[in-house]
Amino acid sequence: MSAPRLNRRLVLEEAQRVADGSGGFALNWVALGVLWALVRPGSGRERAGEFVTLSSVGYRITVRAAPENAPSRPKPDQRFREGGRVFRITAVTECDARGHYLTCFAQEEVLS
């Protein structure tokens, strides 16, 4: 496998719970660091909602690997941010046999 061209600057973020003062909590997204990545769209899909058609596209995001439990190693329930775009990470696996790169499976979220 040749080295992927990591040409996109993504910010890795993790959600932290913050008390809302009413007995509940809110999620506050905290930046963990910057990773360079190769972002490739997957196949799209479409499903019927109650009043609209919902469509989504999965992404495969390749980043340089980091040791297990390192804060720079992406994991599910974290997200990548690129400007106004947000990619929610759903799964992470090694991309190559030597473990030099990781593939993060993600869904783009539309913020309102």
PDB file of N, CA and C in Angstrom:
ATOM      1  N   MET A   1       0.846  -1.179   0.000  1.00  0.00           N
ATOM      2  CA  MET A   1       0.000   0.000   0.000  1.00  0.00           C
ATOM      3  C   MET A   1       0.892   1.243   0.000  1.00  0.00           C
ATOM      4  N   SER A   2       0.606   2.160  -0.897  1.00  0.00           N
ATOM      5  CA  SER A   2       1.346   3.423  -0.902  1.00  0.00           C
ATOM      6  C   SER A   2       0.740   4.354   0.153  1.00  0.00           C
ATOM      7  N   ALA A   3       1.524   5.284   0.616  1.00  0.00           N
ATOM      8  CA  ALA A   3       1.061   6.207   1.652  1.00  0.00           C
ATOM      9  C   ALA A   3      -0.064   7.082   1.108  1.00  0.00           C
ATOM     10  N   PRO A   4      -1.138   7.238   1.867  1.00  0.00           N
ATOM     11  CA  PRO A   4      -2.228   8.112   1.421  1.00  0.00           C
ATOM     12  C   PRO A   4      -1.805   9.570   1.438  1.00  0.00           C
ATOM     13  N   ARG A   5      -2.432  10.356   0.606  1.00  0.00           N
ATOM     14  CA  ARG A   5      -2.135  11.797   0.534  1.00  0.00           C
ATOM     15  C   ARG A   5      -3.021  12.524   1.540  1.00  0.00           C
ATOM     16  N   LEU A   6      -2.459  12.825   2.692  1.00  0.00           N
ATOM     17  CA  LEU A   6      -3.191  13.479   3.778  1.00  0.00           C
ATOM     18  C   LEU A   6      -3.173  14.985   3.537  1.00  0.00           C
ATOM     19  N   ASN A   7      -4.210  15.481   2.867  1.00  0.00           N
ATOM     20  CA  ASN A   7      -4.203  16.870   2.413  1.00  0.00           C
ATOM     21  C   ASN A   7      -5.326  17.737   2.988  1.00  0.00           C
ATOM     22  N   ARG A   8      -6.047  17.206   3.964  1.00  0.00           N
ATOM     23  CA  ARG A   8      -7.139  17.976   4.576  1.00  0.00           C
ATOM     24  C   ARG A   8      -6.852  18.134   6.066  1.00  0.00           C
ATOM     25  N   ARG A   9      -6.964  19.346   6.561  1.00  0.00           N
ATOM     26  CA  ARG A   9      -6.695  19.655   7.975  1.00  0.00           C
ATOM     27  C   ARG A   9      -8.020  19.542   8.740  1.00  0.00           C
ATOM     28  N   LEU A  10      -8.108  18.536   9.621  1.00  0.00           N
ATOM     29  CA  LEU A  10      -9.322  18.317  10.401  1.00  0.00           C
ATOM     30  C   LEU A  10      -9.018  18.490  11.887  1.00  0.00           C
ATOM     31  N   VAL A  11      -9.981  19.031  12.614  1.00  0.00           N
ATOM     32  CA  VAL A  11      -9.860  19.163  14.061  1.00  0.00           C
ATOM     33  C   VAL A  11     -10.623  18.007  14.693  1.00  0.00           C
ATOM     34  N   LEU A  12      -9.951  17.225  15.540  1.00  0.00           N
ATOM     35  CA  LEU A  12     -10.587  16.132  16.267  1.00  0.00           C
ATOM     36  C   LEU A  12     -11.225  16.711  17.516  1.00  0.00           C
ATOM     37  N   GLU A  13     -12.526  16.430  17.718  1.00  0.00           N
ATOM     38  CA  GLU A  13     -13.259  16.974  18.860  1.00  0.00           C
ATOM     39  C   GLU A  13     -13.922  15.863  19.655  1.00  0.00           C
ATOM     40  N   GLU A  14     -14.094  16.123  20.956  1.00  0.00           N
ATOM     41  CA  GLU A  14     -14.755  15.172  21.848  1.00  0.00           C
ATOM     42  C   GLU A  14     -15.810  15.925  22.659  1.00  0.00           C
ATOM     43  N   ALA A  15     -16.950  15.273  22.891  1.00  0.00           N
ATOM     44  CA  ALA A  15     -18.023  15.894  23.659  1.00  0.00           C
ATOM     45  C   ALA A  15     -17.750  15.757  25.157  1.00  0.00           C
ATOM     46  N   GLN A  16     -18.005  16.834  25.887  1.00  0.00           N
ATOM     47  CA  GLN A  16     -17.928  16.805  27.342  1.00  0.00           C
ATOM     48  C   GLN A  16     -19.253  17.300  27.886  1.00  0.00           C
ATOM     49  N   ARG A  17     -19.721  16.624  28.927  1.00  0.00           N
ATOM     50  CA  ARG A  17     -20.977  17.033  29.565  1.00  0.00           C
ATOM     51  C   ARG A  17     -20.728  18.222  30.482  1.00  0.00           C
ATOM     52  N   VAL A  18     -21.616  19.198  30.373  1.00  0.00           N
ATOM     53  CA  VAL A  18     -21.526  20.398  31.205  1.00  0.00           C
ATOM     54  C   VAL A  18     -22.893  20.584  31.852  1.00  0.00           C
ATOM     55  N   ALA A  19     -22.912  20.770  33.168  1.00  0.00           N
ATOM     56  CA  ALA A  19     -24.177  20.979  33.878  1.00  0.00           C
ATOM     57  C   ALA A  19     -24.885  22.208  33.322  1.00  0.00           C
ATOM     58  N   ASP A  20     -26.207  22.084  33.147  1.00  0.00           N
ATOM     59  CA  ASP A  20     -26.963  23.213  32.593  1.00  0.00           C
ATOM     60  C   ASP A  20     -27.645  24.050  33.663  1.00  0.00           C
ATOM     61  N   GLY A  21     -27.451  23.703  34.957  1.00  0.00           N
ATOM     62  CA  GLY A  21     -28.043  24.480  36.037  1.00  0.00           C
ATOM     63  C   GLY A  21     -29.465  24.093  36.367  1.00  0.00           C
ATOM     64  N   SER A  22     -30.055  23.186  35.599  1.00  0.00           N
ATOM     65  CA  SER A  22     -31.426  22.746  35.829  1.00  0.00           C
ATOM     66  C   SER A  22     -31.497  21.264  36.157  1.00  0.00           C
ATOM     67  N   GLY A  23     -30.382  20.685  36.528  1.00  0.00           N
ATOM     68  CA  GLY A  23     -30.354  19.263  36.835  1.00  0.00           C
ATOM     69  C   GLY A  23     -30.008  18.390  35.642  1.00  0.00           C
ATOM     70  N   GLY A  24     -29.878  18.984  34.484  1.00  0.00           N
ATOM     71  CA  GLY A  24     -29.526  18.244  33.269  1.00  0.00           C
ATOM     72  C   GLY A  24     -28.114  18.600  32.837  1.00  0.00           C
ATOM     73  N   PHE A  25     -27.859  18.372  31.580  1.00  0.00           N
ATOM     74  CA  PHE A  25     -26.527  18.689  31.054  1.00  0.00           C
ATOM     75  C   PHE A  25     -26.635  19.088  29.592  1.00  0.00           C
ATOM     76  N   ALA A  26     -25.594  19.733  29.146  1.00  0.00           N
ATOM     77  CA  ALA A  26     -25.454  20.091  27.733  1.00  0.00           C
ATOM     78  C   ALA A  26     -24.122  19.519  27.260  1.00  0.00           C
ATOM     79  N   LEU A  27     -23.999  19.307  25.955  1.00  0.00           N
ATOM     80  CA  LEU A  27     -22.743  18.822  25.395  1.00  0.00           C
ATOM     81  C   LEU A  27     -21.919  20.003  24.911  1.00  0.00           C
ATOM     82  N   ASN A  28     -20.665  20.019  25.304  1.00  0.00           N
ATOM     83  CA  ASN A  28     -19.724  21.033  24.870  1.00  0.00           C
ATOM     84  C   ASN A  28     -18.614  20.319  24.108  1.00  0.00           C
ATOM     85  N   TRP A  29     -18.389  20.675  22.840  1.00  0.00           N
ATOM     86  CA  TRP A  29     -17.374  20.013  22.030  1.00  0.00           C
ATOM     87  C   TRP A  29     -16.028  20.686  22.252  1.00  0.00           C
ATOM     88  N   VAL A  30     -15.027  19.883  22.623  1.00  0.00           N
ATOM     89  CA  VAL A  30     -13.692  20.371  22.946  1.00  0.00           C
ATOM     90  C   VAL A  30     -12.702  19.836  21.916  1.00  0.00           C
ATOM     91  N   ALA A  31     -11.863  20.722  21.384  1.00  0.00           N
ATOM     92  CA  ALA A  31     -10.851  20.310  20.402  1.00  0.00           C
ATOM     93  C   ALA A  31      -9.739  19.541  21.101  1.00  0.00           C
ATOM     94  N   LEU A  32      -9.385  18.377  20.529  1.00  0.00           N
ATOM     95  CA  LEU A  32      -8.296  17.560  21.055  1.00  0.00           C
ATOM     96  C   LEU A  32      -7.001  17.771  20.283  1.00  0.00           C
ATOM     97  N   GLY A  33      -7.108  18.269  19.064  1.00  0.00           N
ATOM     98  CA  GLY A  33      -5.925  18.491  18.248  1.00  0.00           C
ATOM     99  C   GLY A  33      -6.266  18.493  16.777  1.00  0.00           C
ATOM    100  N   VAL A  34      -5.262  18.708  15.968  1.00  0.00           N
ATOM    101  CA  VAL A  34      -5.412  18.766  14.512  1.00  0.00           C
ATOM    102  C   VAL A  34      -4.777  17.532  13.906  1.00  0.00           C
ATOM    103  N   LEU A  35      -5.491  16.895  12.969  1.00  0.00           N
ATOM    104  CA  LEU A  35      -4.979  15.743  12.231  1.00  0.00           C
ATOM    105  C   LEU A  35      -5.085  16.036  10.740  1.00  0.00           C
ATOM    106  N   TRP A  36      -4.081  15.611   9.990  1.00  0.00           N
ATOM    107  CA  TRP A  36      -4.144  15.709   8.534  1.00  0.00           C
ATOM    108  C   TRP A  36      -4.761  14.422   8.017  1.00  0.00           C
ATOM    109  N   ALA A  37      -5.643  14.536   7.031  1.00  0.00           N
ATOM    110  CA  ALA A  37      -6.441  13.384   6.619  1.00  0.00           C
ATOM    111  C   ALA A  37      -6.680  13.350   5.118  1.00  0.00           C
ATOM    112  N   LEU A  38      -7.036  12.165   4.663  1.00  0.00           N
ATOM    113  CA  LEU A  38      -7.566  11.939   3.324  1.00  0.00           C
ATOM    114  C   LEU A  38      -9.044  11.660   3.517  1.00  0.00           C
ATOM    115  N   VAL A  39      -9.910  12.469   2.914  1.00  0.00           N
ATOM    116  CA  VAL A  39     -11.355  12.327   3.080  1.00  0.00           C
ATOM    117  C   VAL A  39     -11.942  11.825   1.766  1.00  0.00           C
ATOM    118  N   ARG A  40     -12.566  10.637   1.816  1.00  0.00           N
ATOM    119  CA  ARG A  40     -13.176  10.046   0.621  1.00  0.00           C
ATOM    120  C   ARG A  40     -14.654   9.768   0.875  1.00  0.00           C
ATOM    121  N   PRO A  41     -15.522  10.262   0.004  1.00  0.00           N
ATOM    122  CA  PRO A  41     -16.945   9.958   0.170  1.00  0.00           C
ATOM    123  C   PRO A  41     -17.233   8.516  -0.207  1.00  0.00           C
ATOM    124  N   GLY A  42     -18.189   7.930   0.489  1.00  0.00           N
ATOM    125  CA  GLY A  42     -18.641   6.578   0.159  1.00  0.00           C
ATOM    126  C   GLY A  42     -19.871   6.665  -0.726  1.00  0.00           C
ATOM    127  N   SER A  43     -20.617   5.598  -0.748  1.00  0.00           N
ATOM    128  CA  SER A  43     -21.838   5.605  -1.551  1.00  0.00           C
ATOM    129  C   SER A  43     -22.962   6.248  -0.745  1.00  0.00           C
ATOM    130  N   GLY A  44     -23.824   6.927  -1.449  1.00  0.00           N
ATOM    131  CA  GLY A  44     -24.950   7.583  -0.803  1.00  0.00           C
ATOM    132  C   GLY A  44     -26.127   6.648  -0.674  1.00  0.00           C
ATOM    133  N   ARG A  45     -27.035   7.014   0.189  1.00  0.00           N
ATOM    134  CA  ARG A  45     -28.272   6.241   0.326  1.00  0.00           C
ATOM    135  C   ARG A  45     -29.407   7.195   0.613  1.00  0.00           C
ATOM    136  N   GLU A  46     -30.570   6.715   0.343  1.00  0.00           N
ATOM    137  CA  GLU A  46     -31.753   7.539   0.490  1.00  0.00           C
ATOM    138  C   GLU A  46     -32.842   6.708   1.145  1.00  0.00           C
ATOM    139  N   ARG A  47     -33.566   7.323   2.071  1.00  0.00           N
ATOM    140  CA  ARG A  47     -34.684   6.614   2.685  1.00  0.00           C
ATOM    141  C   ARG A  47     -35.817   7.596   2.885  1.00  0.00           C
ATOM    142  N   ALA A  48     -36.997   7.054   2.904  1.00  0.00           N
ATOM    143  CA  ALA A  48     -38.185   7.889   3.032  1.00  0.00           C
ATOM    144  C   ALA A  48     -38.435   8.208   4.497  1.00  0.00           C
ATOM    145  N   GLY A  49     -38.571   9.488   4.797  1.00  0.00           N
ATOM    146  CA  GLY A  49     -38.968   9.929   6.124  1.00  0.00           C
ATOM    147  C   GLY A  49     -40.469  10.111   6.131  1.00  0.00           C
ATOM    148  N   GLU A  50     -41.012  10.618   7.218  1.00  0.00           N
ATOM    149  CA  GLU A  50     -42.453  10.797   7.308  1.00  0.00           C
ATOM    150  C   GLU A  50     -42.962  11.820   6.303  1.00  0.00           C
ATOM    151  N   PHE A  51     -42.245  12.932   6.168  1.00  0.00           N
ATOM    152  CA  PHE A  51     -42.688  13.987   5.261  1.00  0.00           C
ATOM    153  C   PHE A  51     -41.672  14.330   4.183  1.00  0.00           C
ATOM    154  N   VAL A  52     -40.451  13.836   4.320  1.00  0.00           N
ATOM    155  CA  VAL A  52     -39.399  14.178   3.371  1.00  0.00           C
ATOM    156  C   VAL A  52     -38.563  12.942   3.059  1.00  0.00           C
ATOM    157  N   THR A  53     -37.772  13.041   2.019  1.00  0.00           N
ATOM    158  CA  THR A  53     -36.806  11.999   1.717  1.00  0.00           C
ATOM    159  C   THR A  53     -35.485  12.380   2.376  1.00  0.00           C
ATOM    160  N   LEU A  54     -34.911  11.442   3.130  1.00  0.00           N
ATOM    161  CA  LEU A  54     -33.665  11.694   3.826  1.00  0.00           C
ATOM    162  C   LEU A  54     -32.528  11.022   3.079  1.00  0.00           C
ATOM    163  N   SER A  55     -31.459  11.750   2.833  1.00  0.00           N
ATOM    164  CA  SER A  55     -30.311  11.160   2.156  1.00  0.00           C
ATOM    165  C   SER A  55     -29.068  11.388   2.996  1.00  0.00           C
ATOM    166  N   SER A  56     -28.122  10.462   2.892  1.00  0.00           N
ATOM    167  CA  SER A  56     -26.868  10.596   3.636  1.00  0.00           C
ATOM    168  C   SER A  56     -25.743   9.956   2.843  1.00  0.00           C
ATOM    169  N   VAL A  57     -24.555  10.416   3.114  1.00  0.00           N
ATOM    170  CA  VAL A  57     -23.354   9.881   2.480  1.00  0.00           C
ATOM    171  C   VAL A  57     -22.365   9.553   3.580  1.00  0.00           C
ATOM    172  N   GLY A  58     -21.843   8.339   3.544  1.00  0.00           N
ATOM    173  CA  GLY A  58     -20.804   7.962   4.493  1.00  0.00           C
ATOM    174  C   GLY A  58     -19.449   8.398   3.966  1.00  0.00           C
ATOM    175  N   TYR A  59     -18.502   8.602   4.850  1.00  0.00           N
ATOM    176  CA  TYR A  59     -17.145   9.002   4.469  1.00  0.00           C
ATOM    177  C   TYR A  59     -16.142   8.045   5.078  1.00  0.00           C
ATOM    178  N   ARG A  60     -15.043   7.829   4.374  1.00  0.00           N
ATOM    179  CA  ARG A  60     -13.887   7.124   4.903  1.00  0.00           C
ATOM    180  C   ARG A  60     -12.793   8.162   5.054  1.00  0.00           C
ATOM    181  N   ILE A  61     -12.365   8.359   6.280  1.00  0.00           N
ATOM    182  CA  ILE A  61     -11.373   9.382   6.581  1.00  0.00           C
ATOM    183  C   ILE A  61     -10.119   8.670   7.076  1.00  0.00           C
ATOM    184  N   THR A  62      -9.027   8.821   6.338  1.00  0.00           N
ATOM    185  CA  THR A  62      -7.767   8.169   6.679  1.00  0.00           C
ATOM    186  C   THR A  62      -6.855   9.165   7.384  1.00  0.00           C
ATOM    187  N   VAL A  63      -6.335   8.762   8.538  1.00  0.00           N
ATOM    188  CA  VAL A  63      -5.413   9.591   9.313  1.00  0.00           C
ATOM    189  C   VAL A  63      -4.204   8.745   9.724  1.00  0.00           C
ATOM    190  N   ARG A  64      -3.141   9.399  10.122  1.00  0.00           N
ATOM    191  CA  ARG A  64      -1.964   8.704  10.638  1.00  0.00           C
ATOM    192  C   ARG A  64      -2.339   8.051  11.967  1.00  0.00           C
ATOM    193  N   ALA A  65      -1.882   6.836  12.198  1.00  0.00           N
ATOM    194  CA  ALA A  65      -2.231   6.106  13.419  1.00  0.00           C
ATOM    195  C   ALA A  65      -1.551   6.718  14.637  1.00  0.00           C
ATOM    196  N   ALA A  66      -2.155   6.475  15.799  1.00  0.00           N
ATOM    197  CA  ALA A  66      -1.598   6.866  17.086  1.00  0.00           C
ATOM    198  C   ALA A  66      -1.771   5.674  18.024  1.00  0.00           C
ATOM    199  N   PRO A  67      -0.962   5.569  19.067  1.00  0.00           N
ATOM    200  CA  PRO A  67      -1.070   4.441  19.983  1.00  0.00           C
ATOM    201  C   PRO A  67      -2.456   4.355  20.631  1.00  0.00           C
ATOM    202  N   GLU A  68      -2.851   3.136  21.023  1.00  0.00           N
ATOM    203  CA  GLU A  68      -4.108   2.944  21.746  1.00  0.00           C
ATOM    204  C   GLU A  68      -4.141   3.875  22.953  1.00  0.00           C
ATOM    205  N   ASN A  69      -5.294   4.430  23.239  1.00  0.00           N
ATOM    206  CA  ASN A  69      -5.535   5.323  24.382  1.00  0.00           C
ATOM    207  C   ASN A  69      -4.822   6.671  24.292  1.00  0.00           C
ATOM    208  N   ALA A  70      -4.160   6.958  23.184  1.00  0.00           N
ATOM    209  CA  ALA A  70      -3.579   8.293  22.994  1.00  0.00           C
ATOM    210  C   ALA A  70      -4.712   9.266  22.689  1.00  0.00           C
ATOM    211  N   PRO A  71      -4.666  10.492  23.221  1.00  0.00           N
ATOM    212  CA  PRO A  71      -5.738  11.446  22.946  1.00  0.00           C
ATOM    213  C   PRO A  71      -5.857  11.809  21.464  1.00  0.00           C
ATOM    214  N   SER A  72      -4.792  11.607  20.706  1.00  0.00           N
ATOM    215  CA  SER A  72      -4.817  11.933  19.276  1.00  0.00           C
ATOM    216  C   SER A  72      -5.368  10.791  18.422  1.00  0.00           C
ATOM    217  N   ARG A  73      -5.714   9.654  19.027  1.00  0.00           N
ATOM    218  CA  ARG A  73      -6.273   8.521  18.277  1.00  0.00           C
ATOM    219  C   ARG A  73      -7.793   8.663  18.239  1.00  0.00           C
ATOM    220  N   PRO A  74      -8.375   8.837  17.048  1.00  0.00           N
ATOM    221  CA  PRO A  74      -9.828   8.983  16.945  1.00  0.00           C
ATOM    222  C   PRO A  74     -10.553   7.736  17.440  1.00  0.00           C
ATOM    223  N   LYS A  75     -11.776   7.938  17.942  1.00  0.00           N
ATOM    224  CA  LYS A  75     -12.613   6.824  18.361  1.00  0.00           C
ATOM    225  C   LYS A  75     -14.078   7.166  18.114  1.00  0.00           C
ATOM    226  N   PRO A  76     -14.937   6.157  18.085  1.00  0.00           N
ATOM    227  CA  PRO A  76     -16.359   6.418  17.860  1.00  0.00           C
ATOM    228  C   PRO A  76     -16.912   7.410  18.888  1.00  0.00           C
ATOM    229  N   ASP A  77     -17.912   8.156  18.476  1.00  0.00           N
ATOM    230  CA  ASP A  77     -18.586   9.194  19.260  1.00  0.00           C
ATOM    231  C   ASP A  77     -17.777  10.483  19.356  1.00  0.00           C
ATOM    232  N   GLN A  78     -16.619  10.534  18.716  1.00  0.00           N
ATOM    233  CA  GLN A  78     -15.918  11.803  18.553  1.00  0.00           C
ATOM    234  C   GLN A  78     -16.302  12.335  17.172  1.00  0.00           C
ATOM    235  N   ARG A  79     -15.751  13.458  16.800  1.00  0.00           N
ATOM    236  CA  ARG A  79     -16.046  14.003  15.475  1.00  0.00           C
ATOM    237  C   ARG A  79     -14.848  14.776  14.953  1.00  0.00           C
ATOM    238  N   PHE A  80     -14.859  14.944  13.627  1.00  0.00           N
ATOM    239  CA  PHE A  80     -13.892  15.803  12.952  1.00  0.00           C
ATOM    240  C   PHE A  80     -14.626  17.059  12.510  1.00  0.00           C
ATOM    241  N   ARG A  81     -13.938  18.192  12.581  1.00  0.00           N
ATOM    242  CA  ARG A  81     -14.507  19.446  12.086  1.00  0.00           C
ATOM    243  C   ARG A  81     -13.544  20.013  11.055  1.00  0.00           C
ATOM    244  N   GLU A  82     -14.125  20.477   9.948  1.00  0.00           N
ATOM    245  CA  GLU A  82     -13.368  21.176   8.902  1.00  0.00           C
ATOM    246  C   GLU A  82     -14.150  22.438   8.571  1.00  0.00           C
ATOM    247  N   GLY A  83     -13.774  23.543   9.200  1.00  0.00           N
ATOM    248  CA  GLY A  83     -14.541  24.773   9.023  1.00  0.00           C
ATOM    249  C   GLY A  83     -15.951  24.557   9.558  1.00  0.00           C
ATOM    250  N   GLY A  84     -16.947  24.742   8.683  1.00  0.00           N
ATOM    251  CA  GLY A  84     -18.334  24.542   9.068  1.00  0.00           C
ATOM    252  C   GLY A  84     -18.835  23.117   8.901  1.00  0.00           C
ATOM    253  N   ARG A  85     -18.007  22.238   8.392  1.00  0.00           N
ATOM    254  CA  ARG A  85     -18.414  20.844   8.180  1.00  0.00           C
ATOM    255  C   ARG A  85     -18.046  19.990   9.386  1.00  0.00           C
ATOM    256  N   VAL A  86     -18.931  19.059   9.729  1.00  0.00           N
ATOM    257  CA  VAL A  86     -18.720  18.179  10.875  1.00  0.00           C
ATOM    258  C   VAL A  86     -18.941  16.740  10.433  1.00  0.00           C
ATOM    259  N   PHE A  87     -17.992  15.852  10.777  1.00  0.00           N
ATOM    260  CA  PHE A  87     -18.064  14.434  10.435  1.00  0.00           C
ATOM    261  C   PHE A  87     -18.082  13.624  11.733  1.00  0.00           C
ATOM    262  N   ARG A  88     -19.216  12.992  12.043  1.00  0.00           N
ATOM    263  CA  ARG A  88     -19.354  12.173  13.255  1.00  0.00           C
ATOM    264  C   ARG A  88     -18.717  10.814  13.016  1.00  0.00           C
ATOM    265  N   ILE A  89     -17.792  10.409  13.869  1.00  0.00           N
ATOM    266  CA  ILE A  89     -17.079   9.144  13.713  1.00  0.00           C
ATOM    267  C   ILE A  89     -17.939   8.011  14.255  1.00  0.00           C
ATOM    268  N   THR A  90     -18.181   6.993  13.422  1.00  0.00           N
ATOM    269  CA  THR A  90     -18.991   5.851  13.841  1.00  0.00           C
ATOM    270  C   THR A  90     -18.157   4.603  14.115  1.00  0.00           C
ATOM    271  N   ALA A  91     -16.992   4.469  13.483  1.00  0.00           N
ATOM    272  CA  ALA A  91     -16.117   3.311  13.690  1.00  0.00           C
ATOM    273  C   ALA A  91     -14.710   3.662  13.238  1.00  0.00           C
ATOM    274  N   VAL A  92     -13.716   2.959  13.835  1.00  0.00           N
ATOM    275  CA  VAL A  92     -12.305   3.175  13.497  1.00  0.00           C
ATOM    276  C   VAL A  92     -11.620   1.819  13.383  1.00  0.00           C
ATOM    277  N   THR A  93     -10.802   1.651  12.338  1.00  0.00           N
ATOM    278  CA  THR A  93     -10.043   0.419  12.161  1.00  0.00           C
ATOM    279  C   THR A  93      -8.693   0.727  11.530  1.00  0.00           C
ATOM    280  N   GLU A  94      -7.759  -0.226  11.639  1.00  0.00           N
ATOM    281  CA  GLU A  94      -6.466  -0.043  10.989  1.00  0.00           C
ATOM    282  C   GLU A  94      -6.656  -0.095   9.484  1.00  0.00           C
ATOM    283  N   CYS A  95      -5.945   0.753   8.777  1.00  0.00           N
ATOM    284  CA  CYS A  95      -6.060   0.855   7.328  1.00  0.00           C
ATOM    285  C   CYS A  95      -5.094  -0.076   6.612  1.00  0.00           C
ATOM    286  N   ASP A  96      -3.934  -0.336   7.251  1.00  0.00           N
ATOM    287  CA  ASP A  96      -2.910  -1.141   6.609  1.00  0.00           C
ATOM    288  C   ASP A  96      -2.383  -2.188   7.595  1.00  0.00           C
ATOM    289  N   ALA A  97      -1.725  -3.192   7.075  1.00  0.00           N
ATOM    290  CA  ALA A  97      -1.249  -4.310   7.899  1.00  0.00           C
ATOM    291  C   ALA A  97      -0.249  -3.876   8.971  1.00  0.00           C
ATOM    292  N   ARG A  98       0.529  -2.865   8.699  1.00  0.00           N
ATOM    293  CA  ARG A  98       1.533  -2.403   9.671  1.00  0.00           C
ATOM    294  C   ARG A  98       0.952  -1.462  10.725  1.00  0.00           C
ATOM    295  N   GLY A  99      -0.281  -1.020  10.520  1.00  0.00           N
ATOM    296  CA  GLY A  99      -0.913  -0.135  11.486  1.00  0.00           C
ATOM    297  C   GLY A  99      -0.404   1.290  11.468  1.00  0.00           C
ATOM    298  N   HIS A 100       0.072   1.753  10.306  1.00  0.00           N
ATOM    299  CA  HIS A 100       0.559   3.130  10.204  1.00  0.00           C
ATOM    300  C   HIS A 100      -0.567   4.141  10.029  1.00  0.00           C
ATOM    301  N   TYR A 101      -1.696   3.674   9.509  1.00  0.00           N
ATOM    302  CA  TYR A 101      -2.827   4.558   9.238  1.00  0.00           C
ATOM    303  C   TYR A 101      -4.109   3.953   9.787  1.00  0.00           C
ATOM    304  N   LEU A 102      -5.072   4.828  10.091  1.00  0.00           N
ATOM    305  CA  LEU A 102      -6.384   4.402  10.553  1.00  0.00           C
ATOM    306  C   LEU A 102      -7.431   4.862   9.557  1.00  0.00           C
ATOM    307  N   THR A 103      -8.470   4.060   9.385  1.00  0.00           N
ATOM    308  CA  THR A 103      -9.635   4.468   8.612  1.00  0.00           C
ATOM    309  C   THR A 103     -10.760   4.745   9.581  1.00  0.00           C
ATOM    310  N   CYS A 104     -11.304   5.951   9.517  1.00  0.00           N
ATOM    311  CA  CYS A 104     -12.433   6.338  10.356  1.00  0.00           C
ATOM    312  C   CYS A 104     -13.672   6.385   9.459  1.00  0.00           C
ATOM    313  N   PHE A 105     -14.688   5.637   9.817  1.00  0.00           N
ATOM    314  CA  PHE A 105     -15.951   5.668   9.100  1.00  0.00           C
ATOM    315  C   PHE A 105     -16.790   6.759   9.762  1.00  0.00           C
ATOM    316  N   ALA A 106     -17.327   7.660   8.955  1.00  0.00           N
ATOM    317  CA  ALA A 106     -18.004   8.825   9.511  1.00  0.00           C
ATOM    318  C   ALA A 106     -19.223   9.205   8.673  1.00  0.00           C
ATOM    319  N   GLN A 107     -20.110   9.952   9.289  1.00  0.00           N
ATOM    320  CA  GLN A 107     -21.285  10.526   8.634  1.00  0.00           C
ATOM    321  C   GLN A 107     -21.189  12.036   8.785  1.00  0.00           C
ATOM    322  N   GLU A 108     -21.450  12.748   7.701  1.00  0.00           N
ATOM    323  CA  GLU A 108     -21.441  14.209   7.802  1.00  0.00           C
ATOM    324  C   GLU A 108     -22.733  14.663   8.472  1.00  0.00           C
ATOM    325  N   GLU A 109     -22.616  15.555   9.431  1.00  0.00           N
ATOM    326  CA  GLU A 109     -23.774  16.102  10.129  1.00  0.00           C
ATOM    327  C   GLU A 109     -24.023  17.514   9.630  1.00  0.00           C
ATOM    328  N   VAL A 110     -25.282  17.849   9.519  1.00  0.00           N
ATOM    329  CA  VAL A 110     -25.658  19.203   9.135  1.00  0.00           C
ATOM    330  C   VAL A 110     -26.086  19.916  10.405  1.00  0.00           C
ATOM    331  N   LEU A 111     -25.353  20.976  10.776  1.00  0.00           N
ATOM    332  CA  LEU A 111     -25.672  21.730  11.992  1.00  0.00           C
ATOM    333  C   LEU A 111     -26.701  22.781  11.674  1.00  0.00           C
ATOM    334  N   SER A 112     -27.655  22.918  12.583  1.00  0.00           N
ATOM    335  CA  SER A 112     -28.681  23.950  12.368  1.00  0.00           C
ATOM    336  C   SER A 112     -28.607  25.009  13.426  1.00  0.00           C
TER     337      SER A 112
END
